[in-house]
Structure formats: C-alpha cells, structure tokens
C-alpha cells in the first residue's frame, strides 16, 4: 500500500506526541543521606560566594543570610549590588578572570568555605566556567580555605548524555568548560562538593520535594530557590565532602515543566 504524504505526516505527528508524553517518565531515584538544612549557621566563619550577584548565586546568599551566616560576595566593578547590600552582605570588587584580584580577595580575609556558581551566557567572552573557577580554587587553596562547593550542570563527567539532546548540542562548549572545572577541583586536594542541576527554572515557584542524589542518570528541572537550599544543605554536611550530586525534583521531570522556565 502506497503511503500518502498525509499519512506520513500523521504518523510522524503521532510519534512526536507519544515521545513528548513519555519523555521525562523517570524511575524512583535514591536521595543521598544529606542532613536537613540547618536553621542557624554554624560554619565557623564567613562564606564567600562567587557569582552571587544574580540567579542561583543570589538565592544561595539569601538562604545563608536568612539563617545568620556571614557572607561575602565577589562582584565585578560594574555589577549592581544594591539588593545584596540590603541583605547585609559584604561586597568585594574584583573579576574572577583576573587571578591576581582573586588572590587578593582570599588574602584579605579568612573564609570558612567558598561557593562558586560561576556561569556564562551565550555572549560572554572569555567564558569563566573553567578559567574563573580555576583562579578561585587556586586562591582558596593558597589561603587555606579548604571547603569548596561548585555548581556545574548535568552533562558533565559521568553524566554525559543524560542532559536533553538540545542542551548537549547548544551548550557543548559550556559543558566542556564546566567539565574541566570539575576535573581540576577533584584533583586539587580541596574538600569539594560538586552539584549538577538540570534545567533551571525561575525562583519563587512552589517548593518541590527536592533532594540530592548520587544517581548520575537523574535529570529534572528545578527552581533556583530550591537548588539554593540543596547547595547550603551540602555545605553543612561533612558527608557531602568529595562527592558529586545531581539536584533532583521528582515532580518536574516532564518536558512540559519547561513552561515554568524563565529568567528572574
């Protein structure tokens, strides 16, 4: 029987619809045994957040400040820090891509931990995902700051191919740089934790039943505010040292969860 163009089109449409319906159907994932978020900060010193002026970094700062942690944010000279200052955050000016400026920041004070959310947009050149993070890790190590938490993305390391194919295609360069940053941190001798989120959604969405997992096949979308809570949980817990986790929201694994995506 000869297939008409209409039948071919309808067949392709059915396949597409079925694919969308089943995409994101995921098995149960096992949560890592991370302690719940502590309500009062007890890190023994200030936390420096690299990339804390916006996005997930800003959400992390809010979580830390809400429970009373002292927080320093490295901000570029041109960055608007008005909202951070309202939170009582100490601002130090510098560019993560300038190794000397980063060393000066770590020499000027003693930090209990460093959190890096350094990322990039499509227009940023040069990209800080590896070089900027390398400068931070080197400065932390030289200053005696051993606890480092790095935010990267699903698609790095042993999670390659878990990210949606379109992300793997269009973020190929960025994923490669973040992968370099992961490898460098693991080889640094620092007390690291690496957290890989999947698709990032805007803050302010209803909280999900989110958790960290060592299951490298786990992928979901996750709000920035939920992710920030998971980051601080890992920072608190000694069990998270020298571990790599995926940030997971079991309620946002389906394709149409992307409707919630958006910039803040």
Protein backbone atom coordinates (compact mmCIF):
# COMPACT_ATOMS: atom_id res chain seq x y z
CA UNK A 1 0.00 0.00 0.00
CA UNK A 2 1.38 3.35 -1.02
CA UNK A 3 1.61 5.87 1.80
CA UNK A 4 0.29 9.32 1.10
CA UNK A 5 2.00 12.43 2.34
CA UNK A 6 -0.92 12.98 4.71
CA UNK A 7 -0.49 9.53 6.27
CA UNK A 8 3.26 10.03 6.62
CA UNK A 9 2.66 13.39 8.30
CA UNK A 10 0.05 11.95 10.67
CA UNK A 11 2.33 9.05 11.54
CA UNK A 12 5.20 11.38 12.33
CA UNK A 13 2.87 13.55 14.40
CA UNK A 14 1.71 10.55 16.45
CA UNK A 15 5.31 9.52 17.10
CA UNK A 16 6.15 13.05 18.22
CA UNK A 17 3.15 13.25 20.55
CA UNK A 18 3.88 9.85 22.09
CA UNK A 19 7.51 10.85 22.54
CA UNK A 20 6.52 14.02 24.37
CA UNK A 21 4.09 12.12 26.59
CA UNK A 22 6.63 9.54 27.69
CA UNK A 23 9.62 11.89 27.91
CA UNK A 24 10.61 12.53 31.47
CA UNK A 25 8.94 9.42 32.89
CA UNK A 26 11.63 8.51 35.39
CA UNK A 27 12.12 5.69 37.88
CA UNK A 28 12.42 6.46 41.56
CA UNK A 29 15.78 7.99 42.46
CA UNK A 30 17.55 7.38 45.75
CA UNK A 31 18.19 10.50 47.83
CA UNK A 32 21.68 10.96 49.23
CA UNK A 33 21.81 10.85 53.04
CA UNK A 34 22.23 14.59 53.49
CA UNK A 35 21.10 16.20 56.75
CA UNK A 36 18.20 18.68 56.55
CA UNK A 37 19.02 22.35 56.17
CA UNK A 38 20.28 23.77 59.46
CA UNK A 39 18.18 26.69 60.65
CA UNK A 40 21.14 28.51 62.19
CA UNK A 41 24.51 28.97 60.52
CA UNK A 42 27.48 27.40 62.29
CA UNK A 43 30.25 27.29 59.71
CA UNK A 44 32.88 28.96 61.88
CA UNK A 45 33.46 31.92 59.60
CA UNK A 46 32.16 33.80 56.58
CA UNK A 47 31.23 32.13 53.30
CA UNK A 48 32.40 33.73 50.08
CA UNK A 49 30.05 33.30 47.12
CA UNK A 50 31.46 33.68 43.63
CA UNK A 51 28.65 34.53 41.23
CA UNK A 52 26.36 35.76 44.00
CA UNK A 53 25.04 38.90 42.31
CA UNK A 54 22.27 37.16 40.39
CA UNK A 55 20.47 33.91 39.62
CA UNK A 56 21.18 30.86 41.73
CA UNK A 57 24.11 32.55 43.46
CA UNK A 58 21.84 35.31 44.76
CA UNK A 59 19.35 32.70 46.01
CA UNK A 60 22.16 30.92 47.87
CA UNK A 61 23.15 34.19 49.52
CA UNK A 62 19.55 34.70 50.67
CA UNK A 63 19.44 31.23 52.27
CA UNK A 64 22.72 31.82 54.08
CA UNK A 65 21.79 35.28 55.32
CA UNK A 66 18.32 34.22 56.46
CA UNK A 67 19.87 31.86 58.98
CA UNK A 68 22.57 34.28 60.06
CA UNK A 69 25.70 33.28 58.15
CA UNK A 70 28.24 36.00 57.38
CA UNK A 71 28.50 36.24 53.58
CA UNK A 72 30.97 37.91 51.25
CA UNK A 73 30.26 38.21 47.52
CA UNK A 74 32.90 38.79 44.85
CA UNK A 75 31.32 41.22 42.40
CA UNK A 76 32.67 42.80 39.26
CA UNK A 77 33.10 46.60 39.40
CA UNK A 78 30.10 47.08 37.11
CA UNK A 79 27.73 44.73 38.98
CA UNK A 80 24.70 46.14 40.76
CA UNK A 81 24.93 45.04 44.40
CA UNK A 82 22.05 47.06 45.88
CA UNK A 83 19.95 44.03 46.82
CA UNK A 84 22.95 42.24 48.31
CA UNK A 85 23.77 45.25 50.47
CA UNK A 86 20.19 45.25 51.78
CA UNK A 87 20.83 41.70 52.99
CA UNK A 88 23.89 42.77 54.93
CA UNK A 89 26.36 41.13 52.55
CA UNK A 90 29.98 42.28 52.42
CA UNK A 91 30.91 43.18 48.84
CA UNK A 92 34.45 42.84 47.49
CA UNK A 93 35.11 44.06 43.98
CA UNK A 94 37.08 42.00 41.51
CA UNK A 95 36.91 39.85 38.41
CA UNK A 96 37.19 36.08 38.72
CA UNK A 97 39.05 36.03 35.42
CA UNK A 98 41.86 38.06 37.00
CA UNK A 99 43.94 35.67 39.10
CA UNK A 100 45.72 38.46 40.99
CA UNK A 101 42.44 40.09 42.01
CA UNK A 102 41.06 36.77 43.23
CA UNK A 103 44.21 36.04 45.25
CA UNK A 104 43.93 39.47 46.86
CA UNK A 105 40.37 38.76 47.97
CA UNK A 106 41.35 35.49 49.64
CA UNK A 107 44.43 37.03 51.23
CA UNK A 108 42.44 39.89 52.78
CA UNK A 109 40.15 37.65 54.85
CA UNK A 110 39.77 34.10 56.13
CA UNK A 111 36.78 32.17 54.80
CA UNK A 112 35.15 29.04 56.16
CA UNK A 113 34.02 28.00 52.69
CA UNK A 114 33.66 29.13 49.12
CA UNK A 115 30.67 28.52 46.85
CA UNK A 116 31.10 29.08 43.12
CA UNK A 117 28.16 29.41 40.77
CA UNK A 118 30.27 30.97 38.04
CA UNK A 119 28.49 30.64 34.76
CA UNK A 120 28.16 32.23 31.40
CA UNK A 121 25.70 33.44 28.84
CA UNK A 122 25.98 32.94 25.13
CA UNK A 123 27.51 36.43 24.76
CA UNK A 124 30.20 36.16 27.46
CA UNK A 125 33.78 36.04 26.21
CA UNK A 126 36.05 34.81 27.57
CA UNK A 127 33.93 32.30 29.43
CA UNK A 128 34.66 31.99 33.18
CA UNK A 129 33.32 28.45 33.59
CA UNK A 130 36.80 26.95 33.76
CA UNK A 131 39.38 29.73 33.95
CA UNK A 132 37.48 31.78 36.52
CA UNK A 133 36.82 28.74 38.67
CA UNK A 134 40.45 27.66 38.42
CA UNK A 135 41.52 31.06 39.76
CA UNK A 136 39.11 30.66 42.67
CA UNK A 137 40.28 27.14 43.52
CA UNK A 138 43.95 28.13 43.38
CA UNK A 139 43.37 31.16 45.59
CA UNK A 140 41.31 29.18 48.09
CA UNK A 141 43.97 26.51 48.38
CA UNK A 142 46.78 29.04 48.79
CA UNK A 143 44.86 30.85 51.54
CA UNK A 144 43.96 27.72 53.48
CA UNK A 145 40.25 27.74 52.61
CA UNK A 146 39.65 24.05 52.10
CA UNK A 147 35.86 23.72 51.75
CA UNK A 148 34.71 24.40 48.18
CA UNK A 149 31.31 23.81 46.64
CA UNK A 150 30.99 24.06 42.86
CA UNK A 151 27.78 24.28 40.85
CA UNK A 152 28.07 22.85 37.31
CA UNK A 153 25.46 21.10 35.15
CA UNK A 154 24.14 17.70 34.21
CA UNK A 155 26.07 16.62 31.13
CA UNK A 156 29.47 16.89 32.80
CA UNK A 157 31.67 13.89 33.56
CA UNK A 158 29.87 10.60 34.03
CA UNK A 159 26.51 12.27 33.36
CA UNK A 160 27.34 12.94 29.70
CA UNK A 161 24.30 12.19 27.56
CA UNK A 162 21.82 12.47 30.43
CA UNK A 163 21.04 16.09 29.51
CA UNK A 164 18.40 16.69 26.79
CA UNK A 165 19.95 16.40 23.33
CA UNK A 166 19.21 20.03 22.51
CA UNK A 167 21.14 21.16 25.61
CA UNK A 168 24.01 18.87 24.73
CA UNK A 169 24.14 20.39 21.27
CA UNK A 170 23.84 24.09 22.04
CA UNK A 171 25.72 24.07 25.36
CA UNK A 172 28.52 21.82 24.17
CA UNK A 173 31.26 24.41 24.72
CA UNK A 174 29.97 25.41 28.15
CA UNK A 175 29.58 21.81 29.32
CA UNK A 176 33.15 21.08 28.23
CA UNK A 177 34.47 24.03 30.27
CA UNK A 178 32.44 23.06 33.33
CA UNK A 179 33.75 19.53 32.95
CA UNK A 180 37.30 20.91 33.06
CA UNK A 181 36.43 22.81 36.22
CA UNK A 182 35.09 19.64 37.85
CA UNK A 183 38.22 17.69 36.97
CA UNK A 184 40.51 20.44 38.22
CA UNK A 185 38.66 20.72 41.53
CA UNK A 186 38.69 16.96 42.09
CA UNK A 187 42.44 16.93 41.57
CA UNK A 188 43.11 19.96 43.76
CA UNK A 189 43.18 18.25 47.13
CA UNK A 190 40.45 20.59 48.42
CA UNK A 191 37.39 19.36 50.31
CA UNK A 192 35.00 19.66 47.39
CA UNK A 193 31.35 19.06 46.68
CA UNK A 194 30.08 19.27 43.10
CA UNK A 195 26.38 19.74 42.43
CA UNK A 196 24.90 19.32 38.96
CA UNK A 197 21.42 20.73 38.33
CA UNK A 198 19.45 20.02 35.19
CA UNK A 199 17.13 22.61 33.71
CA UNK A 200 16.94 25.77 35.81
CA UNK A 201 13.58 27.40 36.48
CA UNK A 202 12.83 30.82 37.92
CA UNK A 203 12.78 31.41 41.66
CA UNK A 204 9.53 31.80 43.56
CA UNK A 205 7.83 28.67 42.22
CA UNK A 206 6.06 26.45 44.78
CA UNK A 207 8.79 24.43 46.56
CA UNK A 208 9.32 20.94 45.22
CA UNK A 209 10.17 17.74 47.09
CA UNK A 210 13.77 18.20 46.00
CA UNK A 211 16.84 16.25 47.05
CA UNK A 212 20.43 15.48 46.12
CA UNK A 213 21.24 12.10 44.63
CA UNK A 214 24.37 10.28 43.52
CA UNK A 215 22.35 8.69 40.69
CA UNK A 216 24.05 10.11 37.59
CA UNK A 217 21.03 9.21 35.43
CA UNK A 218 18.79 11.59 37.36
CA UNK A 219 17.59 14.62 35.40
CA UNK A 220 14.87 17.11 36.19
CA UNK A 221 14.08 20.79 36.05
CA UNK A 222 14.49 22.60 39.34
CA UNK A 223 13.78 26.10 40.59
CA UNK A 224 16.73 28.26 41.56
CA UNK A 225 15.35 28.79 45.05
CA UNK A 226 15.02 25.03 45.63
CA UNK A 227 18.52 24.48 44.27
CA UNK A 228 19.92 27.09 46.66
CA UNK A 229 18.56 25.17 49.64
CA UNK A 230 20.22 21.96 48.42
CA UNK A 231 23.54 23.75 47.97
CA UNK A 232 23.55 25.02 51.55
CA UNK A 233 22.48 21.60 52.84
CA UNK A 234 25.53 20.06 51.18
CA UNK A 235 27.74 22.82 52.51
CA UNK A 236 26.66 21.99 56.07
CA UNK A 237 27.07 18.22 55.94
CA UNK A 238 30.54 16.59 56.25
CA UNK A 239 29.13 13.54 54.45
CA UNK A 240 28.99 15.64 51.28
CA UNK A 241 32.77 16.20 51.15
CA UNK A 242 34.38 14.80 48.00
CA UNK A 243 31.01 13.86 46.49
CA UNK A 244 29.27 14.66 43.22
CA UNK A 245 25.49 15.03 43.30
CA UNK A 246 22.64 15.70 40.94
CA UNK A 247 19.99 18.15 42.16
CA UNK A 248 16.66 16.45 41.57
CA UNK A 249 12.99 17.40 41.71
CA UNK A 250 10.85 14.28 41.12
CA UNK A 251 7.83 16.46 40.39
CA UNK A 252 9.49 18.26 37.47
CA UNK A 253 10.87 15.58 35.18
CA UNK A 254 8.43 16.01 32.32
CA UNK A 255 9.01 18.00 29.15
CA UNK A 256 6.14 20.41 29.78
CA UNK A 257 7.72 21.53 33.05
CA UNK A 258 9.67 23.87 30.78
CA UNK A 259 6.61 26.12 30.82
CA UNK A 260 7.81 27.24 34.24
CA UNK A 261 11.22 28.24 32.96
CA UNK A 262 12.15 31.88 32.92
CA UNK A 263 14.65 34.49 33.92
CA UNK A 264 14.36 36.34 37.17
